[in-house]
Protein backbone atom coordinates (compact mmCIF):
# COMPACT_ATOMS: atom_id res chain seq x y z
CA MET A 1 -73.77 117.78 -76.67
CA THR A 2 -77.01 118.47 -78.48
CA SER A 3 -78.93 115.41 -79.54
CA PRO A 4 -77.70 114.67 -83.06
CA ASN A 5 -81.04 113.24 -84.12
CA ASP A 6 -82.94 116.39 -83.23
CA ASN A 7 -83.27 118.25 -86.54
CA ASN A 8 -84.55 121.34 -84.74
CA SER A 9 -81.28 121.47 -82.80
CA LEU A 10 -79.29 121.08 -86.01
CA SER A 11 -81.37 123.89 -87.50
CA GLU A 12 -80.54 126.06 -84.49
CA LEU A 13 -76.82 125.20 -84.65
CA THR A 14 -76.62 126.15 -88.34
CA SER A 15 -78.81 129.22 -88.02
CA GLY A 16 -77.08 132.12 -89.71
CA ASP A 17 -74.78 129.88 -91.76
CA GLU A 18 -75.02 129.49 -95.50
CA LEU A 19 -76.55 126.10 -96.29
CA LEU A 20 -76.64 124.96 -99.90
CA THR A 21 -78.76 122.54 -101.86
CA LEU A 22 -76.83 119.78 -103.60
CA THR A 23 -77.31 121.64 -106.89
CA ASP A 24 -76.01 124.93 -105.46
CA PHE A 25 -73.05 123.16 -103.86
CA ALA A 26 -72.21 121.54 -107.21
CA GLU A 27 -72.37 124.94 -108.91
CA ARG A 28 -69.95 126.42 -106.35
CA MET A 29 -67.56 123.54 -107.02
CA GLY A 30 -68.04 123.79 -110.77
CA VAL A 31 -68.98 120.13 -111.07
CA PRO A 32 -72.13 118.18 -112.03
CA VAL A 33 -74.53 117.45 -109.16
CA THR A 34 -73.81 113.73 -109.64
CA ARG A 35 -70.22 114.44 -108.50
CA VAL A 36 -71.56 115.88 -105.23
CA GLY A 37 -73.59 112.69 -104.83
CA ASP A 38 -70.41 110.66 -105.35
CA LEU A 39 -68.60 112.74 -102.71
CA LEU A 40 -71.44 112.13 -100.25
CA THR A 41 -71.33 108.39 -100.94
CA ALA A 42 -67.54 108.40 -100.47
CA HIS A 43 -67.99 110.25 -97.14
CA ARG A 44 -65.96 113.26 -98.22
CA LEU A 45 -69.01 115.47 -97.60
CA VAL A 46 -71.99 115.41 -95.26
CA VAL A 47 -75.54 116.52 -95.87
CA GLY A 48 -78.00 117.40 -93.14
CA ASN A 49 -81.75 117.27 -93.06
CA ILE A 50 -82.27 120.83 -91.91
CA GLU A 51 -85.84 122.10 -91.66
CA GLY A 52 -86.95 119.21 -93.84
CA LYS A 53 -84.49 119.91 -96.64
CA ARG A 54 -81.16 118.33 -97.56
CA ARG A 55 -78.45 120.96 -97.13
CA ILE A 56 -74.64 121.07 -97.20
CA PRO A 57 -72.83 123.82 -95.28
CA ALA A 58 -70.97 126.25 -97.54
CA LEU A 59 -68.19 126.35 -94.90
CA LEU A 60 -67.04 122.93 -96.14
CA LEU A 61 -65.68 124.72 -99.21
CA ASP A 62 -62.54 126.79 -99.53
CA ASP A 63 -62.66 130.13 -101.34
CA ASP A 64 -61.58 128.45 -104.60
CA GLY A 65 -64.59 126.09 -104.60
CA THR A 66 -62.71 122.97 -103.48
CA ILE A 67 -63.66 120.93 -100.45
CA ASN A 68 -61.54 121.92 -97.47
CA LYS A 69 -59.04 119.11 -96.87
CA TYR A 70 -59.45 119.31 -93.08
CA ALA A 71 -63.23 119.11 -93.38
CA SER A 72 -62.98 116.08 -95.62
CA GLY A 73 -60.46 114.41 -93.30
CA THR A 74 -62.56 115.07 -90.22
CA ILE A 75 -65.68 113.70 -91.90
CA THR A 76 -63.84 110.53 -92.92
CA VAL A 77 -62.50 109.98 -89.39
CA LEU A 78 -65.93 110.43 -87.83
CA VAL A 79 -67.70 108.21 -90.38
CA ASP A 80 -65.10 105.51 -89.72
CA GLY A 81 -65.91 105.90 -86.03
CA GLY A 82 -69.61 105.23 -86.64
CA PHE A 83 -70.99 108.78 -86.72
CA ASN A 84 -73.85 109.61 -89.08
CA ASP A 85 -74.16 112.87 -91.05
CA ASP A 86 -76.35 114.65 -88.48
CA GLU A 87 -73.97 113.69 -85.65
CA ILE A 88 -71.02 114.96 -87.67
CA LEU A 89 -72.77 118.25 -88.41
CA THR A 90 -73.72 118.60 -84.75
CA PHE A 91 -70.05 118.17 -83.78
CA LEU A 92 -68.90 120.63 -86.44
CA PHE A 93 -71.40 123.36 -85.50
CA THR A 94 -71.35 123.08 -81.69
CA GLU A 95 -69.43 125.87 -79.94
CA ASP A 96 -66.26 124.76 -78.16
CA ASP A 97 -64.60 127.46 -76.06
CA SER A 98 -61.36 125.49 -75.94
CA LEU A 99 -60.81 125.82 -79.71
CA PRO A 100 -62.22 128.64 -79.59
CA GLY A 101 -65.46 128.69 -81.53
CA ARG A 102 -66.97 125.91 -83.55
CA PRO A 103 -64.91 123.15 -85.14
CA ILE A 104 -66.16 124.08 -88.61
CA ASP A 105 -64.84 127.63 -88.21
CA ASN A 106 -61.39 126.26 -87.40
CA PHE A 107 -61.01 124.47 -90.76
CA HIS A 108 -59.96 127.78 -92.24
CA GLY A 109 -57.30 128.62 -89.65
CA HIS A 110 -54.69 127.35 -87.24
CA GLY A 111 -57.11 125.13 -85.30
CA ALA A 112 -57.79 122.69 -88.16
CA ARG A 113 -55.37 120.00 -87.01
CA GLU A 114 -56.77 120.20 -83.48
CA VAL A 115 -60.28 119.59 -84.85
CA ILE A 116 -59.07 116.42 -86.60
CA ARG A 117 -57.25 115.30 -83.44
CA ARG A 118 -60.45 115.71 -81.42
CA ALA A 119 -62.46 113.88 -84.05
CA GLN A 120 -60.00 110.99 -83.88
CA ALA A 121 -60.33 110.88 -80.08
CA MET A 122 -64.13 110.89 -80.30
CA ALA A 123 -64.27 108.25 -83.01
CA PHE A 124 -61.99 105.71 -81.38
């Protein structure tokens, strides 16, 4: 696994993905930016320091602007297991041929429950 503390690696892993500022993420959700801060504090979202800027992946949202329930559940499991935001993002964006693809891509399909199962195994 890529070193989770290496921001260049996280930048490479998220290259080509839409990464939003907290303000842009709040706009997509249709909520005040303080609500996004509350969600980060409650560990329902993660924010990465990518290329020196705090960014949240747009893939954590469903098409209707709500946080994907599998993403939120996976984040909670990993936080409870001692993972920090960069480690969680590294897990979510690292290719896994057995899924197939990246865990974050599976939140919007049939592999979502498998991603949570793997997160539970990693965390405990």
